[in-house]
Amino acid sequence: MRVAGRLAAEVLEMIAAHVRPGVTTGELDALCHRHIVEVQQAIPAPLHYRGFPKSICTSVNHVVCHGIPGATPLRSGDIVNIDITVIKDGFHGDTSAMFLVGQPSQLAKRLSQVTREALYVGIAMVHPGVRLGDIGHAIQTYAEERGYTVVQEYCGHGIGRAFHEEPQVLHYGLPGTGAVLMPGMCITIEPMLNAGKRHVKLLADGWTVVTKDRSLSAQWEHTILVTETGADILTLRTGETPP
């Protein structure tokens, strides 16, 4: 899991320099695919997963998650979430980050920043004996106090030899509820916050999820190992520090 997590983080590090106005999300997908397969000698988990056609997810502006890379160029002012999952030696590393293209608005910058902060609010709570409802409640409270809404239809998850395992890791909830964390568990925490209302809809392609009111959405994700004393972020990028 540590190796897979490091490789997933490395893909985000590699692609960062390529996220700029004029590049298509399809081109970003091709670069990530080549790096995962040829350089890392690993497998891009999304490719053909339940029929998903690409190797990464690229969710632009009002796309909440599971955006399919395509031929539309990114423009200055766009925000895009790039979601990477790598399989190495049978284990999965799953992470995503927001990228601000060109000159984004202050609204977009703040949404991305608060979403990342909400992720780390959740990570800071990871400790043996903590319930998942406590983590979800902390994330929801942090987001809503800052004027954002939390997407409730999509969530984090257990991860290991399978892409998605139990338990579900909700980013909202009630304290004292949900599964209890134990040392050795691996989960993803991946809050999705909207600048408008929380409601989303699934497009006809069966994958792309958008905000119903077309408001901006942001997401950050890490794979987390529950240790005897707290949490170990398996997908930490080089030079990344908590906000």
Protein backbone atom coordinates (compact mmCIF):
# COMPACT_ATOMS: atom_id res chain seq x y z
CA MET A 1 0.00 0.00 0.00
CA ARG A 2 2.87 2.37 0.71
CA VAL A 3 4.40 1.69 -2.71
CA ALA A 4 1.07 2.09 -4.52
CA GLY A 5 0.34 5.29 -2.63
CA ARG A 6 3.72 6.79 -3.46
CA LEU A 7 3.25 5.96 -7.15
CA ALA A 8 -0.20 7.58 -7.24
CA ALA A 9 1.23 10.73 -5.66
CA GLU A 10 4.07 10.69 -8.18
CA VAL A 11 1.61 10.78 -11.09
CA LEU A 12 0.04 13.97 -9.72
CA GLU A 13 3.51 15.45 -9.28
CA MET A 14 4.37 14.57 -12.89
CA ILE A 15 1.19 15.92 -14.48
CA ALA A 16 1.16 19.25 -12.63
CA ALA A 17 3.44 20.99 -15.14
CA HIS A 18 1.16 19.98 -18.02
CA VAL A 19 -2.08 21.45 -16.61
CA ARG A 20 -2.35 24.76 -18.46
CA PRO A 21 -4.66 26.60 -20.85
CA GLY A 22 -5.00 24.87 -24.22
CA VAL A 23 -4.26 21.32 -23.10
CA THR A 24 -7.09 18.83 -23.37
CA THR A 25 -8.04 16.48 -20.58
CA GLY A 26 -7.56 13.68 -23.08
CA GLU A 27 -3.93 14.71 -23.47
CA LEU A 28 -3.51 14.72 -19.70
CA ASP A 29 -4.99 11.23 -19.59
CA ALA A 30 -2.54 9.99 -22.23
CA LEU A 31 0.43 11.42 -20.33
CA CYS A 32 -0.69 9.82 -17.06
CA HIS A 33 -1.40 6.49 -18.76
CA ARG A 34 2.04 6.39 -20.32
CA HIS A 35 3.74 7.29 -17.03
CA ILE A 36 1.84 4.67 -15.03
CA VAL A 37 2.32 1.86 -17.55
CA GLU A 38 5.78 2.57 -18.99
CA VAL A 39 7.63 4.36 -16.18
CA GLN A 40 6.01 2.88 -13.09
CA GLN A 41 5.20 -0.47 -14.69
CA ALA A 42 1.90 -0.33 -12.88
CA ILE A 43 -1.78 -0.41 -13.85
CA PRO A 44 -4.18 2.57 -14.08
CA ALA A 45 -7.09 1.28 -12.00
CA PRO A 46 -9.90 3.34 -13.60
CA LEU A 47 -9.27 1.98 -17.12
CA HIS A 48 -12.12 -0.44 -17.94
CA TYR A 49 -13.26 -0.40 -14.26
CA ARG A 50 -16.98 -1.12 -14.61
CA GLY A 51 -16.67 0.18 -18.16
CA PHE A 52 -14.88 3.47 -17.46
CA PRO A 53 -13.06 4.32 -20.72
CA LYS A 54 -9.99 6.23 -19.51
CA SER A 55 -7.03 5.91 -17.13
CA ILE A 56 -7.75 8.95 -14.95
CA CYS A 57 -10.75 11.08 -13.98
CA THR A 58 -10.72 14.78 -14.90
CA SER A 59 -13.54 16.83 -13.37
CA VAL A 60 -13.69 20.43 -14.62
CA ASN A 61 -15.53 23.33 -12.95
CA HIS A 62 -19.10 22.14 -12.15
CA VAL A 63 -18.19 18.47 -12.64
CA VAL A 64 -18.15 16.93 -9.16
CA CYS A 65 -16.40 13.65 -9.92
CA HIS A 66 -15.80 10.89 -12.48
CA GLY A 67 -15.30 13.28 -15.39
CA ILE A 68 -14.19 11.44 -18.53
CA PRO A 69 -11.10 12.91 -20.25
CA GLY A 70 -11.86 14.23 -23.71
CA ALA A 71 -11.05 16.68 -26.50
CA THR A 72 -12.15 19.96 -24.90
CA PRO A 73 -9.17 22.24 -24.10
CA LEU A 74 -8.81 23.72 -20.64
CA ARG A 75 -9.24 27.50 -20.48
CA SER A 76 -7.77 30.11 -18.18
CA GLY A 77 -10.02 30.33 -15.13
CA ASP A 78 -10.98 26.65 -15.13
CA ILE A 79 -10.45 24.44 -12.13
CA VAL A 80 -9.92 20.71 -12.60
CA ASN A 81 -9.72 17.77 -10.25
CA ILE A 82 -7.39 15.02 -11.43
CA ASP A 83 -8.07 11.69 -9.75
CA ILE A 84 -5.39 9.00 -9.94
CA THR A 85 -5.57 5.38 -8.83
CA VAL A 86 -2.59 3.11 -9.43
CA ILE A 87 -2.41 -0.67 -8.96
CA LYS A 88 1.03 -2.00 -8.10
CA ASP A 89 1.62 -5.63 -7.09
CA GLY A 90 -2.10 -6.03 -6.49
CA PHE A 91 -2.52 -3.02 -4.17
CA HIS A 92 -4.28 0.29 -4.88
CA GLY A 93 -3.13 3.85 -4.22
CA ASP A 94 -5.86 6.48 -4.69
CA THR A 95 -5.47 10.27 -4.60
CA SER A 96 -6.72 13.43 -6.26
CA ALA A 97 -5.86 17.11 -6.34
CA MET A 98 -7.29 20.35 -7.65
CA PHE A 99 -5.44 22.32 -10.30
CA LEU A 100 -6.14 26.00 -11.01
CA VAL A 101 -5.74 26.81 -14.71
CA GLY A 102 -4.36 30.20 -15.69
CA GLN A 103 -6.11 32.95 -13.71
CA PRO A 104 -8.94 31.44 -11.66
CA SER A 105 -11.47 33.55 -9.78
CA GLN A 106 -11.19 34.25 -6.07
CA LEU A 107 -14.29 32.08 -5.60
CA ALA A 108 -12.56 29.17 -7.30
CA LYS A 109 -9.36 29.63 -5.31
CA ARG A 110 -11.19 29.77 -2.00
CA LEU A 111 -13.37 26.75 -2.81
CA SER A 112 -10.30 24.69 -3.64
CA GLN A 113 -8.47 25.89 -0.53
CA VAL A 114 -11.34 25.20 1.86
CA THR A 115 -11.91 21.76 0.34
CA ARG A 116 -8.27 20.84 0.93
CA GLU A 117 -8.51 22.18 4.47
CA ALA A 118 -11.64 20.05 5.02
CA LEU A 119 -9.71 16.97 3.86
CA TYR A 120 -7.04 17.65 6.47
CA VAL A 121 -9.67 18.28 9.15
CA GLY A 122 -10.80 14.72 8.49
CA ILE A 123 -7.28 13.31 8.38
CA ALA A 124 -6.43 14.98 11.71
CA MET A 125 -9.23 13.00 13.33
CA VAL A 126 -8.04 9.59 12.14
CA HIS A 127 -7.01 7.56 15.18
CA PRO A 128 -7.82 4.09 16.52
CA GLY A 129 -11.21 4.12 18.24
CA VAL A 130 -12.59 7.09 16.31
CA ARG A 131 -15.89 6.51 14.54
CA LEU A 132 -16.36 7.45 10.90
CA GLY A 133 -19.38 9.56 11.83
CA ASP A 134 -17.07 11.77 13.90
CA ILE A 135 -14.87 12.36 10.84
CA GLY A 136 -17.83 13.07 8.56
CA HIS A 137 -19.34 15.47 11.07
CA ALA A 138 -16.08 17.38 11.43
CA ILE A 139 -15.70 17.76 7.66
CA GLN A 140 -19.32 18.84 7.19
CA THR A 141 -19.15 21.35 10.02
CA TYR A 142 -15.94 22.88 8.70
CA ALA A 143 -17.34 23.22 5.17
CA GLU A 144 -20.76 24.57 6.11
CA GLU A 145 -19.34 27.13 8.52
CA ARG A 146 -17.46 28.56 5.53
CA GLY A 147 -20.48 28.69 3.27
CA TYR A 148 -20.03 25.52 1.25
CA THR A 149 -22.14 22.40 0.89
CA VAL A 150 -21.02 18.76 1.07
CA VAL A 151 -21.92 16.29 -1.66
CA GLN A 152 -23.61 13.34 0.04
CA GLU A 153 -24.10 10.85 -2.81
CA TYR A 154 -20.38 10.06 -3.20
CA CYS A 155 -17.89 9.25 -0.47
CA GLY A 156 -14.56 7.80 0.55
CA HIS A 157 -14.04 4.09 1.03
CA GLY A 158 -11.88 1.30 2.26
CA ILE A 159 -9.09 0.39 -0.13
CA GLY A 160 -6.44 -2.30 -0.49
CA ARG A 161 -6.42 -5.24 -2.88
CA ALA A 162 -9.74 -3.94 -4.22
CA PHE A 163 -10.39 -0.43 -5.55
CA HIS A 164 -13.44 0.06 -3.35
CA GLU A 165 -13.90 -1.85 -0.09
CA GLU A 166 -15.89 -1.42 3.09
CA PRO A 167 -16.37 0.78 4.99
CA GLN A 168 -17.93 3.75 3.25
CA VAL A 169 -16.37 6.99 4.48
CA LEU A 170 -19.05 9.69 4.44
CA HIS A 171 -18.08 13.36 4.54
CA TYR A 172 -21.10 14.25 6.64
CA GLY A 173 -22.76 12.58 9.58
CA LEU A 174 -23.40 12.38 13.28
CA PRO A 175 -20.77 12.05 16.01
CA GLY A 176 -20.67 8.65 17.67
CA THR A 177 -21.98 6.77 14.62
CA GLY A 178 -20.38 4.61 11.95
CA ALA A 179 -17.59 2.07 11.88
CA VAL A 180 -14.77 2.27 14.43
CA LEU A 181 -11.27 2.79 13.05
CA MET A 182 -8.66 0.17 13.93
CA PRO A 183 -4.91 0.00 13.28
CA GLY A 184 -4.09 -1.45 9.88
CA MET A 185 -7.20 -0.16 8.13
CA CYS A 186 -6.71 1.77 4.89
CA ILE A 187 -9.35 4.28 3.81
CA THR A 188 -9.70 7.20 1.45
CA ILE A 189 -10.97 10.57 2.59
CA GLU A 190 -12.09 12.66 -0.40
CA PRO A 191 -14.56 15.46 0.39
CA MET A 192 -16.44 17.07 -2.49
CA LEU A 193 -17.61 20.61 -1.71
CA ASN A 194 -19.90 22.76 -3.84
CA ALA A 195 -20.00 26.55 -4.00
CA GLY A 196 -23.79 26.32 -4.42
CA LYS A 197 -26.31 23.72 -3.31
CA ARG A 198 -25.19 20.18 -2.56
CA HIS A 199 -27.45 18.48 -5.11
CA VAL A 200 -25.90 16.63 -8.04
CA LYS A 201 -26.99 14.69 -11.11
CA LEU A 202 -25.50 11.93 -13.22
CA LEU A 203 -25.13 12.64 -16.93
CA ALA A 204 -26.21 10.31 -19.72
CA ASP A 205 -22.70 8.86 -20.11
CA GLY A 206 -23.30 7.00 -16.85
CA TRP A 207 -20.20 8.45 -15.18
CA THR A 208 -19.97 12.24 -15.14
CA VAL A 209 -21.51 13.78 -12.02
CA VAL A 210 -22.31 17.53 -12.07
CA THR A 211 -23.82 20.05 -9.70
CA LYS A 212 -27.52 20.55 -10.47
CA ASP A 213 -27.18 24.33 -10.19
CA ARG A 214 -23.93 24.32 -12.22
CA SER A 215 -22.03 25.82 -9.30
CA LEU A 216 -18.31 25.09 -8.97
CA SER A 217 -17.25 21.92 -7.18
CA ALA A 218 -13.89 20.88 -5.73
CA GLN A 219 -12.41 17.67 -4.33
CA TRP A 220 -9.15 16.56 -2.71
CA GLU A 221 -8.30 12.97 -1.76
CA HIS A 222 -5.70 10.96 0.10
CA THR A 223 -5.30 7.30 0.97
CA ILE A 224 -4.85 6.98 4.74
CA LEU A 225 -3.41 4.17 6.88
CA VAL A 226 -4.72 3.98 10.43
CA THR A 227 -1.71 3.44 12.68
CA GLU A 228 -1.42 2.63 16.39
CA THR A 229 -1.01 6.33 17.13
CA GLY A 230 -2.98 8.13 14.42
CA ALA A 231 -2.76 8.38 10.64
CA ASP A 232 -0.17 7.91 7.92
CA ILE A 233 -0.91 9.60 4.58
CA LEU A 234 0.19 7.06 1.97
CA THR A 235 -0.35 9.39 -1.00
CA LEU A 236 1.46 12.47 0.33
CA ARG A 237 3.11 14.40 -2.47
CA THR A 238 6.70 15.60 -2.30
CA GLY A 239 6.82 18.87 -0.40
CA GLU A 240 3.15 18.71 0.59
CA THR A 241 2.37 19.94 4.10
CA PRO A 242 -1.00 20.17 5.85
CA PRO A 243 -2.69 23.60 5.51
